[in-house]
Amino acid sequence: MKICEKISKKCKKKYLKKLIYYRKETAINQRSEIIESGWISSEISKLSRNFINLMQIELNRALDIILFLENYFDSFYGIPILESIEHLFIEIQVI
């Protein structure tokens, strides 16, 4: 190997080390800014609110099906499935 090639390899290694260190520091700073801004906690609260809303929708749908089946069998066959299903209707209040 020539001396020029050795020198250029060493310079490239130094440059890459500086570049890696700079990008690492930049990433750490960006991470701390995101954590301090409160973005993560607001997104988690939005996600949990959406999950609760979807669960409420599914519960309402299931109870509507039960009510439909009870009305169907009661009107056509005179067989009440449940005496009272009002105790099943629970609604979660989302604040």
N, C-alpha and C. Protein backbone atom coordinates (compact mmCIF):
# COMPACT_ATOMS: atom_id res chain seq x y z
N MET A 1 0.83 -1.19 0.00
CA MET A 1 0.00 0.00 0.00
C MET A 1 0.87 1.25 0.00
N LYS A 2 0.34 2.20 -0.65
CA LYS A 2 1.06 3.45 -0.66
C LYS A 2 0.74 4.25 0.59
N ILE A 3 1.58 5.17 0.87
CA ILE A 3 1.39 6.02 2.04
C ILE A 3 0.13 6.87 1.87
N CYS A 4 -0.13 7.31 0.68
CA CYS A 4 -1.33 8.14 0.43
C CYS A 4 -2.60 7.36 0.75
N GLU A 5 -2.65 6.10 0.38
CA GLU A 5 -3.83 5.28 0.66
C GLU A 5 -4.02 5.08 2.15
N LYS A 6 -2.92 4.87 2.89
CA LYS A 6 -3.01 4.71 4.34
C LYS A 6 -3.54 5.99 5.00
N ILE A 7 -3.01 7.10 4.54
CA ILE A 7 -3.45 8.38 5.10
C ILE A 7 -4.92 8.63 4.79
N SER A 8 -5.34 8.32 3.59
CA SER A 8 -6.75 8.56 3.22
C SER A 8 -7.68 7.64 4.01
N LYS A 9 -7.25 6.40 4.29
CA LYS A 9 -8.06 5.50 5.11
C LYS A 9 -8.21 6.03 6.52
N LYS A 10 -7.07 6.51 7.09
CA LYS A 10 -7.13 7.06 8.45
C LYS A 10 -8.02 8.30 8.50
N CYS A 11 -7.95 9.13 7.48
CA CYS A 11 -8.78 10.33 7.44
C CYS A 11 -10.25 9.96 7.33
N LYS A 12 -10.54 8.95 6.52
CA LYS A 12 -11.92 8.50 6.38
C LYS A 12 -12.44 7.96 7.70
N LYS A 13 -11.61 7.18 8.43
CA LYS A 13 -12.03 6.64 9.72
C LYS A 13 -12.30 7.77 10.71
N LYS A 14 -11.44 8.78 10.74
CA LYS A 14 -11.65 9.90 11.66
C LYS A 14 -12.94 10.65 11.29
N TYR A 15 -13.12 10.86 10.00
CA TYR A 15 -14.33 11.57 9.55
C TYR A 15 -15.58 10.78 9.92
N LEU A 16 -15.54 9.46 9.71
CA LEU A 16 -16.70 8.63 10.04
C LEU A 16 -16.97 8.64 11.54
N LYS A 17 -15.91 8.60 12.36
CA LYS A 17 -16.10 8.64 13.80
C LYS A 17 -16.74 9.96 14.22
N LYS A 18 -16.27 11.07 13.65
CA LYS A 18 -16.86 12.37 13.97
C LYS A 18 -18.32 12.43 13.53
N LEU A 19 -18.59 11.91 12.36
CA LEU A 19 -19.95 11.91 11.83
C LEU A 19 -20.88 11.06 12.70
N ILE A 20 -20.41 9.89 13.10
CA ILE A 20 -21.21 9.01 13.97
C ILE A 20 -21.47 9.68 15.31
N TYR A 21 -20.45 10.30 15.87
CA TYR A 21 -20.62 10.98 17.16
C TYR A 21 -21.61 12.13 17.03
N TYR A 22 -21.50 12.91 15.96
CA TYR A 22 -22.41 14.03 15.74
C TYR A 22 -23.86 13.55 15.60
N ARG A 23 -24.07 12.53 14.80
CA ARG A 23 -25.44 12.02 14.60
C ARG A 23 -26.00 11.41 15.88
N LYS A 24 -25.15 10.77 16.68
CA LYS A 24 -25.59 10.21 17.95
C LYS A 24 -26.03 11.32 18.89
N GLU A 25 -25.25 12.37 18.98
CA GLU A 25 -25.61 13.50 19.84
C GLU A 25 -26.89 14.17 19.36
N THR A 26 -27.03 14.32 18.07
CA THR A 26 -28.26 14.91 17.51
C THR A 26 -29.47 14.06 17.84
N ALA A 27 -29.35 12.75 17.70
CA ALA A 27 -30.46 11.84 18.00
C ALA A 27 -30.83 11.89 19.48
N ILE A 28 -29.82 11.96 20.35
CA ILE A 28 -30.09 12.05 21.79
C ILE A 28 -30.82 13.35 22.12
N ASN A 29 -30.39 14.44 21.51
CA ASN A 29 -31.05 15.73 21.74
C ASN A 29 -32.50 15.71 21.25
N GLN A 30 -32.72 15.16 20.08
CA GLN A 30 -34.09 15.08 19.54
C GLN A 30 -34.97 14.21 20.43
N ARG A 31 -34.42 13.11 20.91
CA ARG A 31 -35.18 12.23 21.80
C ARG A 31 -35.58 12.94 23.08
N SER A 32 -34.65 13.66 23.68
CA SER A 32 -34.97 14.37 24.92
C SER A 32 -35.98 15.48 24.67
N GLU A 33 -35.93 16.14 23.51
CA GLU A 33 -36.92 17.18 23.18
C GLU A 33 -38.31 16.58 23.06
N ILE A 34 -38.40 15.41 22.44
CA ILE A 34 -39.71 14.75 22.29
C ILE A 34 -40.26 14.34 23.65
N ILE A 35 -39.41 13.80 24.50
CA ILE A 35 -39.85 13.37 25.83
C ILE A 35 -40.31 14.57 26.65
N GLU A 36 -39.57 15.66 26.60
CA GLU A 36 -39.90 16.85 27.38
C GLU A 36 -41.12 17.59 26.85
N SER A 37 -41.43 17.42 25.58
CA SER A 37 -42.56 18.16 24.99
C SER A 37 -43.91 17.61 25.43
N GLY A 38 -43.97 16.40 25.93
CA GLY A 38 -45.24 15.81 26.36
C GLY A 38 -46.01 15.17 25.23
N TRP A 39 -45.39 15.01 24.09
CA TRP A 39 -46.05 14.43 22.93
C TRP A 39 -46.45 12.98 23.20
N ILE A 40 -45.57 12.22 23.84
CA ILE A 40 -45.83 10.80 24.07
C ILE A 40 -47.04 10.62 24.99
N SER A 41 -47.10 11.38 26.06
CA SER A 41 -48.22 11.23 26.99
C SER A 41 -49.54 11.64 26.34
N SER A 42 -49.52 12.68 25.51
CA SER A 42 -50.77 13.07 24.84
C SER A 42 -51.21 12.01 23.84
N GLU A 43 -50.27 11.41 23.14
CA GLU A 43 -50.62 10.36 22.18
C GLU A 43 -51.14 9.11 22.89
N ILE A 44 -50.57 8.78 24.04
CA ILE A 44 -51.05 7.62 24.80
C ILE A 44 -52.46 7.87 25.30
N SER A 45 -52.75 9.09 25.75
CA SER A 45 -54.10 9.40 26.23
C SER A 45 -55.10 9.34 25.08
N LYS A 46 -54.71 9.82 23.89
CA LYS A 46 -55.59 9.72 22.72
C LYS A 46 -55.86 8.26 22.36
N LEU A 47 -54.81 7.45 22.40
CA LEU A 47 -54.94 6.03 22.08
C LEU A 47 -55.86 5.32 23.06
N SER A 48 -55.70 5.59 24.35
CA SER A 48 -56.55 4.94 25.33
C SER A 48 -57.99 5.41 25.21
N ARG A 49 -58.21 6.70 24.91
CA ARG A 49 -59.57 7.20 24.71
C ARG A 49 -60.24 6.51 23.51
N ASN A 50 -59.48 6.36 22.42
CA ASN A 50 -60.02 5.66 21.25
C ASN A 50 -60.34 4.21 21.56
N PHE A 51 -59.48 3.55 22.33
CA PHE A 51 -59.72 2.16 22.70
C PHE A 51 -61.00 2.04 23.52
N ILE A 52 -61.18 2.93 24.49
CA ILE A 52 -62.38 2.88 25.32
C ILE A 52 -63.63 3.14 24.48
N ASN A 53 -63.55 4.09 23.55
CA ASN A 53 -64.69 4.36 22.68
C ASN A 53 -65.04 3.15 21.82
N LEU A 54 -64.02 2.48 21.28
CA LEU A 54 -64.27 1.29 20.47
C LEU A 54 -64.87 0.16 21.30
N MET A 55 -64.40 0.01 22.52
CA MET A 55 -64.98 -1.02 23.39
C MET A 55 -66.45 -0.71 23.68
N GLN A 56 -66.78 0.57 23.89
CA GLN A 56 -68.16 0.95 24.15
C GLN A 56 -69.03 0.66 22.93
N ILE A 57 -68.52 0.93 21.75
CA ILE A 57 -69.27 0.65 20.52
C ILE A 57 -69.54 -0.84 20.39
N GLU A 58 -68.53 -1.66 20.67
CA GLU A 58 -68.71 -3.11 20.57
C GLU A 58 -69.71 -3.63 21.61
N LEU A 59 -69.64 -3.09 22.82
CA LEU A 59 -70.61 -3.49 23.85
C LEU A 59 -72.03 -3.11 23.45
N ASN A 60 -72.19 -1.91 22.95
CA ASN A 60 -73.52 -1.46 22.50
C ASN A 60 -74.04 -2.35 21.38
N ARG A 61 -73.16 -2.72 20.45
CA ARG A 61 -73.58 -3.58 19.34
C ARG A 61 -74.01 -4.95 19.84
N ALA A 62 -73.24 -5.51 20.77
CA ALA A 62 -73.58 -6.83 21.32
C ALA A 62 -74.91 -6.78 22.06
N LEU A 63 -75.13 -5.72 22.82
CA LEU A 63 -76.39 -5.61 23.55
C LEU A 63 -77.57 -5.36 22.62
N ASP A 64 -77.35 -4.65 21.53
CA ASP A 64 -78.41 -4.47 20.54
C ASP A 64 -78.80 -5.79 19.90
N ILE A 65 -77.81 -6.64 19.65
CA ILE A 65 -78.10 -7.96 19.08
C ILE A 65 -78.91 -8.79 20.07
N ILE A 66 -78.54 -8.74 21.34
CA ILE A 66 -79.30 -9.48 22.36
C ILE A 66 -80.73 -8.99 22.42
N LEU A 67 -80.89 -7.67 22.39
CA LEU A 67 -82.24 -7.09 22.44
C LEU A 67 -83.05 -7.49 21.21
N PHE A 68 -82.41 -7.48 20.04
CA PHE A 68 -83.09 -7.88 18.81
C PHE A 68 -83.55 -9.33 18.90
N LEU A 69 -82.65 -10.22 19.36
CA LEU A 69 -83.02 -11.64 19.46
C LEU A 69 -84.13 -11.85 20.49
N GLU A 70 -84.08 -11.13 21.58
CA GLU A 70 -85.14 -11.26 22.58
C GLU A 70 -86.48 -10.82 22.00
N ASN A 71 -86.49 -9.69 21.30
CA ASN A 71 -87.74 -9.22 20.69
C ASN A 71 -88.24 -10.19 19.63
N TYR A 72 -87.32 -10.74 18.84
CA TYR A 72 -87.71 -11.67 17.78
C TYR A 72 -88.37 -12.92 18.37
N PHE A 73 -87.69 -13.56 19.32
CA PHE A 73 -88.25 -14.80 19.88
C PHE A 73 -89.50 -14.53 20.71
N ASP A 74 -89.56 -13.38 21.35
CA ASP A 74 -90.74 -13.05 22.15
C ASP A 74 -91.94 -12.79 21.26
N SER A 75 -91.73 -12.10 20.14
CA SER A 75 -92.87 -11.75 19.28
C SER A 75 -93.33 -12.94 18.42
N PHE A 76 -92.41 -13.74 17.90
CA PHE A 76 -92.80 -14.83 17.02
C PHE A 76 -93.16 -16.10 17.76
N TYR A 77 -92.44 -16.42 18.80
CA TYR A 77 -92.63 -17.69 19.48
C TYR A 77 -93.21 -17.54 20.89
N GLY A 78 -93.27 -16.33 21.39
CA GLY A 78 -93.77 -16.11 22.73
C GLY A 78 -92.85 -16.64 23.81
N ILE A 79 -91.57 -16.79 23.49
CA ILE A 79 -90.59 -17.30 24.45
C ILE A 79 -89.67 -16.15 24.86
N PRO A 80 -89.81 -15.66 26.08
CA PRO A 80 -88.87 -14.61 26.50
C PRO A 80 -87.51 -15.22 26.84
N ILE A 81 -86.47 -14.68 26.23
CA ILE A 81 -85.12 -15.19 26.50
C ILE A 81 -84.66 -14.72 27.87
N LEU A 82 -84.80 -13.45 28.11
CA LEU A 82 -84.42 -12.89 29.39
C LEU A 82 -85.60 -12.11 29.94
N GLU A 83 -85.79 -12.18 31.22
CA GLU A 83 -86.89 -11.42 31.82
C GLU A 83 -86.62 -9.92 31.70
N SER A 84 -85.43 -9.52 32.00
CA SER A 84 -85.07 -8.11 31.89
C SER A 84 -83.59 -8.01 31.56
N ILE A 85 -83.31 -7.31 30.49
CA ILE A 85 -81.90 -7.14 30.14
C ILE A 85 -81.43 -5.72 30.39
N GLU A 86 -82.23 -4.98 31.12
CA GLU A 86 -81.82 -3.61 31.39
C GLU A 86 -80.56 -3.55 32.24
N HIS A 87 -80.32 -4.57 33.05
CA HIS A 87 -79.11 -4.57 33.87
C HIS A 87 -77.85 -4.75 33.02
N LEU A 88 -78.01 -5.16 31.75
CA LEU A 88 -76.85 -5.34 30.89
C LEU A 88 -76.40 -4.03 30.25
N PHE A 89 -77.27 -3.05 30.20
CA PHE A 89 -76.92 -1.81 29.53
C PHE A 89 -76.09 -0.94 30.46
N ILE A 90 -74.80 -0.95 30.19
CA ILE A 90 -73.86 -0.18 30.97
C ILE A 90 -73.16 0.76 30.00
N GLU A 91 -73.05 2.00 30.38
CA GLU A 91 -72.36 2.95 29.52
C GLU A 91 -71.20 3.56 30.28
N ILE A 92 -70.05 3.54 29.65
CA ILE A 92 -68.85 4.10 30.26
C ILE A 92 -68.76 5.57 29.87
N GLN A 93 -68.61 6.41 30.84
CA GLN A 93 -68.47 7.84 30.58
C GLN A 93 -67.00 8.15 30.34
N VAL A 94 -66.71 8.70 29.16
CA VAL A 94 -65.34 9.08 28.81
C VAL A 94 -65.19 10.58 29.04
N ILE A 95 -64.20 10.91 29.81
CA ILE A 95 -63.97 12.33 30.12
C ILE A 95 -62.91 12.87 29.21
